[in-house]
Amino acid sequence: MVQINLAAIYSDRIKGNRQNNLEAALHHFTAAFKIYTKRDFPQNWATLQNNLGLLYGKLGLHDKQIQSLKASLEVCTRKAFPPDWASTKYNLGLGYQKL
């Protein structure tokens, strides 16, 4: 959880170099995947994928953004997690607009 919080902080940080902050956020999100695996923590993993997708969008990496958001939808189905599914589909639509 600390890694996810650090990623969120760096992702929104105004002080310092924006690119460096986003890369630090990417590092912390990646570290969180060591614990939040799809097998052991599927909902946390899916949320992390969604947040990673949003970060990729900020980095201008829209192909990776879409990959992460689609990965999130493997767990966040309409039936299992309707609100998460809806917000991820919305984010996916925004990602497709950037391609």
PDB file of N, CA and C in Angstrom:
ATOM      1  N   MET A   1       0.824  -1.191   0.000  1.00  0.00           N
ATOM      2  CA  MET A   1       0.000   0.000   0.000  1.00  0.00           C
ATOM      3  C   MET A   1       0.872   1.260   0.000  1.00  0.00           C
ATOM      4  N   VAL A   2       1.994   1.184   0.675  1.00  0.00           N
ATOM      5  CA  VAL A   2       2.911   2.335   0.708  1.00  0.00           C
ATOM      6  C   VAL A   2       3.396   2.649  -0.710  1.00  0.00           C
ATOM      7  N   GLN A   3       3.716   1.629  -1.475  1.00  0.00           N
ATOM      8  CA  GLN A   3       4.184   1.846  -2.848  1.00  0.00           C
ATOM      9  C   GLN A   3       3.106   2.538  -3.687  1.00  0.00           C
ATOM     10  N   ILE A   4       1.862   2.121  -3.514  1.00  0.00           N
ATOM     11  CA  ILE A   4       0.757   2.716  -4.259  1.00  0.00           C
ATOM     12  C   ILE A   4       0.574   4.183  -3.850  1.00  0.00           C
ATOM     13  N   ASN A   5       0.671   4.449  -2.557  1.00  0.00           N
ATOM     14  CA  ASN A   5       0.547   5.829  -2.080  1.00  0.00           C
ATOM     15  C   ASN A   5       1.674   6.705  -2.610  1.00  0.00           C
ATOM     16  N   LEU A   6       2.894   6.170  -2.608  1.00  0.00           N
ATOM     17  CA  LEU A   6       4.019   6.933  -3.164  1.00  0.00           C
ATOM     18  C   LEU A   6       3.816   7.195  -4.650  1.00  0.00           C
ATOM     19  N   ALA A   7       3.319   6.199  -5.361  1.00  0.00           N
ATOM     20  CA  ALA A   7       3.056   6.373  -6.794  1.00  0.00           C
ATOM     21  C   ALA A   7       2.031   7.485  -7.011  1.00  0.00           C
ATOM     22  N   ALA A   8       0.988   7.497  -6.218  1.00  0.00           N
ATOM     23  CA  ALA A   8      -0.041   8.532  -6.347  1.00  0.00           C
ATOM     24  C   ALA A   8       0.531   9.915  -6.048  1.00  0.00           C
ATOM     25  N   ILE A   9       1.362   9.991  -5.039  1.00  0.00           N
ATOM     26  CA  ILE A   9       1.970  11.279  -4.670  1.00  0.00           C
ATOM     27  C   ILE A   9       2.865  11.789  -5.798  1.00  0.00           C
ATOM     28  N   TYR A  10       3.736  10.917  -6.305  1.00  0.00           N
ATOM     29  CA  TYR A  10       4.627  11.341  -7.382  1.00  0.00           C
ATOM     30  C   TYR A  10       3.859  11.665  -8.658  1.00  0.00           C
ATOM     31  N   SER A  11       2.795  10.944  -8.904  1.00  0.00           N
ATOM     32  CA  SER A  11       1.999  11.167 -10.110  1.00  0.00           C
ATOM     33  C   SER A  11       1.378  12.565 -10.137  1.00  0.00           C
ATOM     34  N   ASP A  12       1.007  13.064  -8.965  1.00  0.00           N
ATOM     35  CA  ASP A  12       0.361  14.380  -8.868  1.00  0.00           C
ATOM     36  C   ASP A  12       1.289  15.485  -8.372  1.00  0.00           C
ATOM     37  N   ARG A  13       2.540  15.161  -8.125  1.00  0.00           N
ATOM     38  CA  ARG A  13       3.482  16.128  -7.548  1.00  0.00           C
ATOM     39  C   ARG A  13       3.735  17.293  -8.500  1.00  0.00           C
ATOM     40  N   ILE A  14       3.713  18.492  -7.965  1.00  0.00           N
ATOM     41  CA  ILE A  14       3.963  19.680  -8.784  1.00  0.00           C
ATOM     42  C   ILE A  14       5.426  20.116  -8.691  1.00  0.00           C
ATOM     43  N   LYS A  15       6.037  19.894  -7.561  1.00  0.00           N
ATOM     44  CA  LYS A  15       7.429  20.317  -7.365  1.00  0.00           C
ATOM     45  C   LYS A  15       8.365  19.381  -8.131  1.00  0.00           C
ATOM     46  N   GLY A  16       9.423  19.947  -8.667  1.00  0.00           N
ATOM     47  CA  GLY A  16      10.409  19.134  -9.371  1.00  0.00           C
ATOM     48  C   GLY A  16      10.050  18.930 -10.833  1.00  0.00           C
ATOM     49  N   ASN A  17      10.843  18.114 -11.483  1.00  0.00           N
ATOM     50  CA  ASN A  17      10.669  17.817 -12.902  1.00  0.00           C
ATOM     51  C   ASN A  17       9.491  16.867 -13.095  1.00  0.00           C
ATOM     52  N   ARG A  18       8.536  17.261 -13.917  1.00  0.00           N
ATOM     53  CA  ARG A  18       7.310  16.471 -14.124  1.00  0.00           C
ATOM     54  C   ARG A  18       7.625  15.070 -14.642  1.00  0.00           C
ATOM     55  N   GLN A  19       8.490  14.945 -15.618  1.00  0.00           N
ATOM     56  CA  GLN A  19       8.841  13.641 -16.187  1.00  0.00           C
ATOM     57  C   GLN A  19       9.488  12.743 -15.133  1.00  0.00           C
ATOM     58  N   ASN A  20      10.393  13.300 -14.338  1.00  0.00           N
ATOM     59  CA  ASN A  20      11.037  12.521 -13.276  1.00  0.00           C
ATOM     60  C   ASN A  20      10.020  12.049 -12.247  1.00  0.00           C
ATOM     61  N   ASN A  21       9.069  12.904 -11.921  1.00  0.00           N
ATOM     62  CA  ASN A  21       8.030  12.531 -10.963  1.00  0.00           C
ATOM     63  C   ASN A  21       7.182  11.387 -11.500  1.00  0.00           C
ATOM     64  N   LEU A  22       6.814  11.460 -12.770  1.00  0.00           N
ATOM     65  CA  LEU A  22       6.003  10.396 -13.368  1.00  0.00           C
ATOM     66  C   LEU A  22       6.782   9.085 -13.450  1.00  0.00           C
ATOM     67  N   GLU A  23       8.061   9.163 -13.740  1.00  0.00           N
ATOM     68  CA  GLU A  23       8.888   7.957 -13.779  1.00  0.00           C
ATOM     69  C   GLU A  23       9.041   7.355 -12.381  1.00  0.00           C
ATOM     70  N   ALA A  24       9.115   8.198 -11.358  1.00  0.00           N
ATOM     71  CA  ALA A  24       9.157   7.702  -9.978  1.00  0.00           C
ATOM     72  C   ALA A  24       7.838   7.010  -9.637  1.00  0.00           C
ATOM     73  N   ALA A  25       6.732   7.586 -10.074  1.00  0.00           N
ATOM     74  CA  ALA A  25       5.425   6.965  -9.856  1.00  0.00           C
ATOM     75  C   ALA A  25       5.378   5.601 -10.531  1.00  0.00           C
ATOM     76  N   LEU A  26       5.889   5.507 -11.737  1.00  0.00           N
ATOM     77  CA  LEU A  26       5.928   4.230 -12.463  1.00  0.00           C
ATOM     78  C   LEU A  26       6.742   3.191 -11.694  1.00  0.00           C
ATOM     79  N   HIS A  27       7.858   3.613 -11.143  1.00  0.00           N
ATOM     80  CA  HIS A  27       8.695   2.717 -10.335  1.00  0.00           C
ATOM     81  C   HIS A  27       7.905   2.171  -9.142  1.00  0.00           C
ATOM     82  N   HIS A  28       7.185   3.022  -8.459  1.00  0.00           N
ATOM     83  CA  HIS A  28       6.450   2.598  -7.269  1.00  0.00           C
ATOM     84  C   HIS A  28       5.251   1.716  -7.624  1.00  0.00           C
ATOM     85  N   PHE A  29       4.569   2.015  -8.713  1.00  0.00           N
ATOM     86  CA  PHE A  29       3.479   1.129  -9.148  1.00  0.00           C
ATOM     87  C   PHE A  29       4.030  -0.247  -9.484  1.00  0.00           C
ATOM     88  N   THR A  30       5.147  -0.286 -10.190  1.00  0.00           N
ATOM     89  CA  THR A  30       5.756  -1.558 -10.565  1.00  0.00           C
ATOM     90  C   THR A  30       6.133  -2.363  -9.324  1.00  0.00           C
ATOM     91  N   ALA A  31       6.645  -1.697  -8.320  1.00  0.00           N
ATOM     92  CA  ALA A  31       7.002  -2.378  -7.068  1.00  0.00           C
ATOM     93  C   ALA A  31       5.774  -2.986  -6.403  1.00  0.00           C
ATOM     94  N   ALA A  32       4.644  -2.320  -6.482  1.00  0.00           N
ATOM     95  CA  ALA A  32       3.411  -2.825  -5.855  1.00  0.00           C
ATOM     96  C   ALA A  32       2.934  -4.125  -6.498  1.00  0.00           C
ATOM     97  N   PHE A  33       3.246  -4.319  -7.771  1.00  0.00           N
ATOM     98  CA  PHE A  33       2.854  -5.557  -8.456  1.00  0.00           C
ATOM     99  C   PHE A  33       3.569  -6.790  -7.900  1.00  0.00           C
ATOM    100  N   LYS A  34       4.650  -6.595  -7.167  1.00  0.00           N
ATOM    101  CA  LYS A  34       5.335  -7.739  -6.551  1.00  0.00           C
ATOM    102  C   LYS A  34       4.469  -8.396  -5.490  1.00  0.00           C
ATOM    103  N   ILE A  35       3.604  -7.621  -4.854  1.00  0.00           N
ATOM    104  CA  ILE A  35       2.702  -8.140  -3.830  1.00  0.00           C
ATOM    105  C   ILE A  35       1.307  -8.368  -4.399  1.00  0.00           C
ATOM    106  N   TYR A  36       0.791  -7.357  -5.092  1.00  0.00           N
ATOM    107  CA  TYR A  36      -0.567  -7.438  -5.624  1.00  0.00           C
ATOM    108  C   TYR A  36      -0.563  -8.177  -6.960  1.00  0.00           C
ATOM    109  N   THR A  37      -0.502  -9.498  -6.880  1.00  0.00           N
ATOM    110  CA  THR A  37      -0.539 -10.309  -8.090  1.00  0.00           C
ATOM    111  C   THR A  37      -1.987 -10.593  -8.459  1.00  0.00           C
ATOM    112  N   LYS A  38      -2.186 -10.911  -9.710  1.00  0.00           N
ATOM    113  CA  LYS A  38      -3.537 -11.218 -10.191  1.00  0.00           C
ATOM    114  C   LYS A  38      -4.095 -12.442  -9.469  1.00  0.00           C
ATOM    115  N   ARG A  39      -3.247 -13.412  -9.201  1.00  0.00           N
ATOM    116  CA  ARG A  39      -3.686 -14.644  -8.563  1.00  0.00           C
ATOM    117  C   ARG A  39      -4.050 -14.442  -7.095  1.00  0.00           C
ATOM    118  N   ASP A  40      -3.225 -13.714  -6.359  1.00  0.00           N
ATOM    119  CA  ASP A  40      -3.426 -13.587  -4.910  1.00  0.00           C
ATOM    120  C   ASP A  40      -4.363 -12.445  -4.513  1.00  0.00           C
ATOM    121  N   PHE A  41      -4.333 -11.353  -5.250  1.00  0.00           N
ATOM    122  CA  PHE A  41      -5.143 -10.178  -4.926  1.00  0.00           C
ATOM    123  C   PHE A  41      -5.765  -9.617  -6.213  1.00  0.00           C
ATOM    124  N   PRO A  42      -6.698 -10.339  -6.815  1.00  0.00           N
ATOM    125  CA  PRO A  42      -7.192  -9.936  -8.134  1.00  0.00           C
ATOM    126  C   PRO A  42      -7.809  -8.537  -8.182  1.00  0.00           C
ATOM    127  N   GLN A  43      -8.587  -8.163  -7.191  1.00  0.00           N
ATOM    128  CA  GLN A  43      -9.217  -6.839  -7.249  1.00  0.00           C
ATOM    129  C   GLN A  43      -8.178  -5.733  -7.061  1.00  0.00           C
ATOM    130  N   ASN A  44      -7.245  -5.916  -6.147  1.00  0.00           N
ATOM    131  CA  ASN A  44      -6.171  -4.928  -5.964  1.00  0.00           C
ATOM    132  C   ASN A  44      -5.311  -4.834  -7.227  1.00  0.00           C
ATOM    133  N   TRP A  45      -5.032  -5.991  -7.820  1.00  0.00           N
ATOM    134  CA  TRP A  45      -4.245  -6.039  -9.050  1.00  0.00           C
ATOM    135  C   TRP A  45      -4.949  -5.258 -10.157  1.00  0.00           C
ATOM    136  N   ALA A  46      -6.260  -5.464 -10.276  1.00  0.00           N
ATOM    137  CA  ALA A  46      -7.033  -4.777 -11.308  1.00  0.00           C
ATOM    138  C   ALA A  46      -7.047  -3.269 -11.069  1.00  0.00           C
ATOM    139  N   THR A  47      -7.202  -2.853  -9.830  1.00  0.00           N
ATOM    140  CA  THR A  47      -7.175  -1.429  -9.503  1.00  0.00           C
ATOM    141  C   THR A  47      -5.805  -0.841  -9.826  1.00  0.00           C
ATOM    142  N   LEU A  48      -4.779  -1.589  -9.505  1.00  0.00           N
ATOM    143  CA  LEU A  48      -3.415  -1.160  -9.802  1.00  0.00           C
ATOM    144  C   LEU A  48      -3.208  -1.041 -11.312  1.00  0.00           C
ATOM    145  N   GLN A  49      -3.736  -1.982 -12.074  1.00  0.00           N
ATOM    146  CA  GLN A  49      -3.647  -1.912 -13.539  1.00  0.00           C
ATOM    147  C   GLN A  49      -4.348  -0.652 -14.055  1.00  0.00           C
ATOM    148  N   ASN A  50      -5.516  -0.354 -13.488  1.00  0.00           N
ATOM    149  CA  ASN A  50      -6.250   0.842 -13.891  1.00  0.00           C
ATOM    150  C   ASN A  50      -5.428   2.099 -13.600  1.00  0.00           C
ATOM    151  N   ASN A  51      -4.874   2.175 -12.405  1.00  0.00           N
ATOM    152  CA  ASN A  51      -4.068   3.345 -12.034  1.00  0.00           C
ATOM    153  C   ASN A  51      -2.806   3.447 -12.883  1.00  0.00           C
ATOM    154  N   LEU A  52      -2.215   2.299 -13.192  1.00  0.00           N
ATOM    155  CA  LEU A  52      -1.044   2.286 -14.060  1.00  0.00           C
ATOM    156  C   LEU A  52      -1.423   2.791 -15.450  1.00  0.00           C
ATOM    157  N   GLY A  53      -2.595   2.391 -15.919  1.00  0.00           N
ATOM    158  CA  GLY A  53      -3.071   2.887 -17.208  1.00  0.00           C
ATOM    159  C   GLY A  53      -3.211   4.397 -17.221  1.00  0.00           C
ATOM    160  N   LEU A  54      -3.744   4.947 -16.143  1.00  0.00           N
ATOM    161  CA  LEU A  54      -3.869   6.404 -16.051  1.00  0.00           C
ATOM    162  C   LEU A  54      -2.494   7.074 -16.074  1.00  0.00           C
ATOM    163  N   LEU A  55      -1.536   6.458 -15.390  1.00  0.00           N
ATOM    164  CA  LEU A  55      -0.172   6.995 -15.387  1.00  0.00           C
ATOM    165  C   LEU A  55       0.446   6.927 -16.776  1.00  0.00           C
ATOM    166  N   TYR A  56       0.257   5.810 -17.453  1.00  0.00           N
ATOM    167  CA  TYR A  56       0.777   5.710 -18.826  1.00  0.00           C
ATOM    168  C   TYR A  56       0.179   6.809 -19.706  1.00  0.00           C
ATOM    169  N   GLY A  57      -1.080   7.138 -19.475  1.00  0.00           N
ATOM    170  CA  GLY A  57      -1.697   8.235 -20.221  1.00  0.00           C
ATOM    171  C   GLY A  57      -0.986   9.555 -19.960  1.00  0.00           C
ATOM    172  N   LYS A  58      -0.646   9.812 -18.708  1.00  0.00           N
ATOM    173  CA  LYS A  58       0.086  11.035 -18.362  1.00  0.00           C
ATOM    174  C   LYS A  58       1.466  11.056 -19.003  1.00  0.00           C
ATOM    175  N   LEU A  59       2.045   9.865 -19.179  1.00  0.00           N
ATOM    176  CA  LEU A  59       3.365   9.761 -19.797  1.00  0.00           C
ATOM    177  C   LEU A  59       3.291   9.796 -21.327  1.00  0.00           C
ATOM    178  N   GLY A  60       2.080   9.788 -21.853  1.00  0.00           N
ATOM    179  CA  GLY A  60       1.913   9.792 -23.305  1.00  0.00           C
ATOM    180  C   GLY A  60       2.115   8.427 -23.936  1.00  0.00           C
ATOM    181  N   LEU A  61       2.112   7.378 -23.128  1.00  0.00           N
ATOM    182  CA  LEU A  61       2.304   6.009 -23.614  1.00  0.00           C
ATOM    183  C   LEU A  61       0.929   5.343 -23.768  1.00  0.00           C
ATOM    184  N   HIS A  62       0.215   5.763 -24.801  1.00  0.00           N
ATOM    185  CA  HIS A  62      -1.187   5.390 -24.917  1.00  0.00           C
ATOM    186  C   HIS A  62      -1.408   3.918 -25.264  1.00  0.00           C
ATOM    187  N   ASP A  63      -0.488   3.294 -25.976  1.00  0.00           N
ATOM    188  CA  ASP A  63      -0.618   1.856 -26.223  1.00  0.00           C
ATOM    189  C   ASP A  63      -0.529   1.077 -24.908  1.00  0.00           C
ATOM    190  N   LYS A  64       0.426   1.451 -24.070  1.00  0.00           N
ATOM    191  CA  LYS A  64       0.555   0.802 -22.766  1.00  0.00           C
ATOM    192  C   LYS A  64      -0.628   1.132 -21.872  1.00  0.00           C
ATOM    193  N   GLN A  65      -1.139   2.346 -22.002  1.00  0.00           N
ATOM    194  CA  GLN A  65      -2.313   2.751 -21.239  1.00  0.00           C
ATOM    195  C   GLN A  65      -3.469   1.801 -21.538  1.00  0.00           C
ATOM    196  N   ILE A  66      -3.706   1.582 -22.804  1.00  0.00           N
ATOM    197  CA  ILE A  66      -4.819   0.720 -23.208  1.00  0.00           C
ATOM    198  C   ILE A  66      -4.580  -0.715 -22.772  1.00  0.00           C
ATOM    199  N   GLN A  67      -3.351  -1.206 -22.867  1.00  0.00           N
ATOM    200  CA  GLN A  67      -3.035  -2.566 -22.416  1.00  0.00           C
ATOM    201  C   GLN A  67      -3.341  -2.734 -20.930  1.00  0.00           C
ATOM    202  N   SER A  68      -2.939  -1.773 -20.123  1.00  0.00           N
ATOM    203  CA  SER A  68      -3.181  -1.865 -18.681  1.00  0.00           C
ATOM    204  C   SER A  68      -4.664  -1.812 -18.355  1.00  0.00           C
ATOM    205  N   LEU A  69      -5.378  -0.944 -19.030  1.00  0.00           N
ATOM    206  CA  LEU A  69      -6.810  -0.830 -18.769  1.00  0.00           C
ATOM    207  C   LEU A  69      -7.549  -2.091 -19.203  1.00  0.00           C
ATOM    208  N   LYS A  70      -7.148  -2.665 -20.317  1.00  0.00           N
ATOM    209  CA  LYS A  70      -7.758  -3.929 -20.755  1.00  0.00           C
ATOM    210  C   LYS A  70      -7.443  -5.044 -19.766  1.00  0.00           C
ATOM    211  N   ALA A  71      -6.236  -5.049 -19.233  1.00  0.00           N
ATOM    212  CA  ALA A  71      -5.867  -6.051 -18.226  1.00  0.00           C
ATOM    213  C   ALA A  71      -6.765  -5.916 -17.003  1.00  0.00           C
ATOM    214  N   SER A  72      -7.024  -4.697 -16.586  1.00  0.00           N
ATOM    215  CA  SER A  72      -7.898  -4.457 -15.441  1.00  0.00           C
ATOM    216  C   SER A  72      -9.278  -5.066 -15.668  1.00  0.00           C
ATOM    217  N   LEU A  73      -9.759  -4.977 -16.901  1.00  0.00           N
ATOM    218  CA  LEU A  73     -11.091  -5.492 -17.226  1.00  0.00           C
ATOM    219  C   LEU A  73     -11.168  -7.016 -17.204  1.00  0.00           C
ATOM    220  N   GLU A  74     -10.013  -7.693 -17.163  1.00  0.00           N
ATOM    221  CA  GLU A  74     -10.021  -9.144 -17.016  1.00  0.00           C
ATOM    222  C   GLU A  74     -10.612  -9.538 -15.662  1.00  0.00           C
ATOM    223  N   VAL A  75     -10.450  -8.695 -14.679  1.00  0.00           N
ATOM    224  CA  VAL A  75     -10.973  -8.934 -13.329  1.00  0.00           C
ATOM    225  C   VAL A  75     -12.225  -8.101 -13.078  1.00  0.00           C
ATOM    226  N   CYS A  76     -12.158  -6.844 -13.434  1.00  0.00           N
ATOM    227  CA  CYS A  76     -13.283  -5.930 -13.182  1.00  0.00           C
ATOM    228  C   CYS A  76     -14.325  -6.082 -14.280  1.00  0.00           C
ATOM    229  N   THR A  77     -15.076  -7.149 -14.188  1.00  0.00           N
ATOM    230  CA  THR A  77     -16.132  -7.371 -15.160  1.00  0.00           C
ATOM    231  C   THR A  77     -17.378  -6.601 -14.750  1.00  0.00           C
ATOM    232  N   ARG A  78     -18.274  -6.461 -15.690  1.00  0.00           N
ATOM    233  CA  ARG A  78     -19.514  -5.743 -15.413  1.00  0.00           C
ATOM    234  C   ARG A  78     -20.314  -6.447 -14.321  1.00  0.00           C
ATOM    235  N   LYS A  79     -20.286  -7.764 -14.341  1.00  0.00           N
ATOM    236  CA  LYS A  79     -21.062  -8.541 -13.365  1.00  0.00           C
ATOM    237  C   LYS A  79     -20.415  -8.524 -11.981  1.00  0.00           C
ATOM    238  N   ALA A  80     -19.100  -8.699 -11.923  1.00  0.00           N
ATOM    239  CA  ALA A  80     -18.414  -8.838 -10.633  1.00  0.00           C
ATOM    240  C   ALA A  80     -18.215  -7.505  -9.910  1.00  0.00           C
ATOM    241  N   PHE A  81     -17.823  -6.480 -10.651  1.00  0.00           N
ATOM    242  CA  PHE A  81     -17.502  -5.178 -10.050  1.00  0.00           C
ATOM    243  C   PHE A  81     -18.030  -4.054 -10.942  1.00  0.00           C
ATOM    244  N   PRO A  82     -19.350  -3.866 -10.992  1.00  0.00           N
ATOM    245  CA  PRO A  82     -19.926  -2.892 -11.931  1.00  0.00           C
ATOM    246  C   PRO A  82     -19.348  -1.481 -11.864  1.00  0.00           C
ATOM    247  N   PRO A  83     -19.157  -0.873 -10.676  1.00  0.00           N
ATOM    248  CA  PRO A  83     -18.597   0.495 -10.660  1.00  0.00           C
ATOM    249  C   PRO A  83     -17.170   0.546 -11.195  1.00  0.00           C
ATOM    250  N   ASP A  84     -16.344  -0.437 -10.810  1.00  0.00           N
ATOM    251  CA  ASP A  84     -14.959  -0.472 -11.296  1.00  0.00           C
ATOM    252  C   ASP A  84     -14.929  -0.710 -12.806  1.00  0.00           C
ATOM    253  N   TRP A  85     -15.795  -1.591 -13.267  1.00  0.00           N
ATOM    254  CA  TRP A  85     -15.892  -1.874 -14.703  1.00  0.00           C
ATOM    255  C   TRP A  85     -16.238  -0.592 -15.453  1.00  0.00           C
ATOM    256  N   ALA A  86     -17.232   0.138 -14.957  1.00  0.00           N
ATOM    257  CA  ALA A  86     -17.675   1.357 -15.635  1.00  0.00           C
ATOM    258  C   ALA A  86     -16.578   2.419 -15.680  1.00  0.00           C
ATOM    259  N   SER A  87     -15.893   2.626 -14.569  1.00  0.00           N
ATOM    260  CA  SER A  87     -14.844   3.658 -14.564  1.00  0.00           C
ATOM    261  C   SER A  87     -13.661   3.244 -15.435  1.00  0.00           C
ATOM    262  N   THR A  88     -13.345   1.967 -15.460  1.00  0.00           N
ATOM    263  CA  THR A  88     -12.250   1.496 -16.309  1.00  0.00           C
ATOM    264  C   THR A  88     -12.622   1.618 -17.779  1.00  0.00           C
ATOM    265  N   LYS A  89     -13.866   1.298 -18.125  1.00  0.00           N
ATOM    266  CA  LYS A  89     -14.324   1.460 -19.510  1.00  0.00           C
ATOM    267  C   LYS A  89     -14.262   2.936 -19.920  1.00  0.00           C
ATOM    268  N   TYR A  90     -14.626   3.816 -19.007  1.00  0.00           N
ATOM    269  CA  TYR A  90     -14.540   5.257 -19.270  1.00  0.00           C
ATOM    270  C   TYR A  90     -13.087   5.652 -19.543  1.00  0.00           C
ATOM    271  N   ASN A  91     -12.178   5.203 -18.666  1.00  0.00           N
ATOM    272  CA  ASN A  91     -10.756   5.514 -18.852  1.00  0.00           C
ATOM    273  C   ASN A  91     -10.236   4.937 -20.163  1.00  0.00           C
ATOM    274  N   LEU A  92     -10.705   3.757 -20.519  1.00  0.00           N
ATOM    275  CA  LEU A  92     -10.301   3.122 -21.771  1.00  0.00           C
ATOM    276  C   LEU A  92     -10.748   3.983 -22.969  1.00  0.00           C
ATOM    277  N   GLY A  93     -11.950   4.504 -22.896  1.00  0.00           N
ATOM    278  CA  GLY A  93     -12.434   5.390 -23.943  1.00  0.00           C
ATOM    279  C   GLY A  93     -11.563   6.631 -24.093  1.00  0.00           C
ATOM    280  N   LEU A  94     -11.166   7.193 -22.963  1.00  0.00           N
ATOM    281  CA  LEU A  94     -10.263   8.358 -23.008  1.00  0.00           C
ATOM    282  C   LEU A  94      -8.923   7.993 -23.634  1.00  0.00           C
ATOM    283  N   GLY A  95      -8.434   6.799 -23.305  1.00  0.00           N
ATOM    284  CA  GLY A  95      -7.174   6.336 -23.869  1.00  0.00           C
ATOM    285  C   GLY A  95      -7.243   6.171 -25.381  1.00  0.00           C
ATOM    286  N   TYR A  96      -8.358   5.609 -25.862  1.00  0.00           N
ATOM    287  CA  TYR A  96      -8.531   5.443 -27.299  1.00  0.00           C
ATOM    288  C   TYR A  96      -8.597   6.783 -28.032  1.00  0.00           C
ATOM    289  N   GLN A  97      -9.082   7.814 -27.374  1.00  0.00           N
ATOM    290  CA  GLN A  97      -9.134   9.135 -27.992  1.00  0.00           C
ATOM    291  C   GLN A  97      -7.740   9.676 -28.303  1.00  0.00           C
ATOM    292  N   LYS A  98      -6.753   9.223 -27.545  1.00  0.00           N
ATOM    293  CA  LYS A  98      -5.392   9.744 -27.699  1.00  0.00           C
ATOM    294  C   LYS A  98      -4.598   9.017 -28.790  1.00  0.00           C
ATOM    295  N   LEU A  99      -5.118   7.873 -29.253  1.00  0.00           N
ATOM    296  CA  LEU A  99      -4.382   7.127 -30.288  1.00  0.00           C
ATOM    297  C   LEU A  99      -4.466   7.794 -31.637  1.00  0.00           C
TER     298      LEU A  99
END
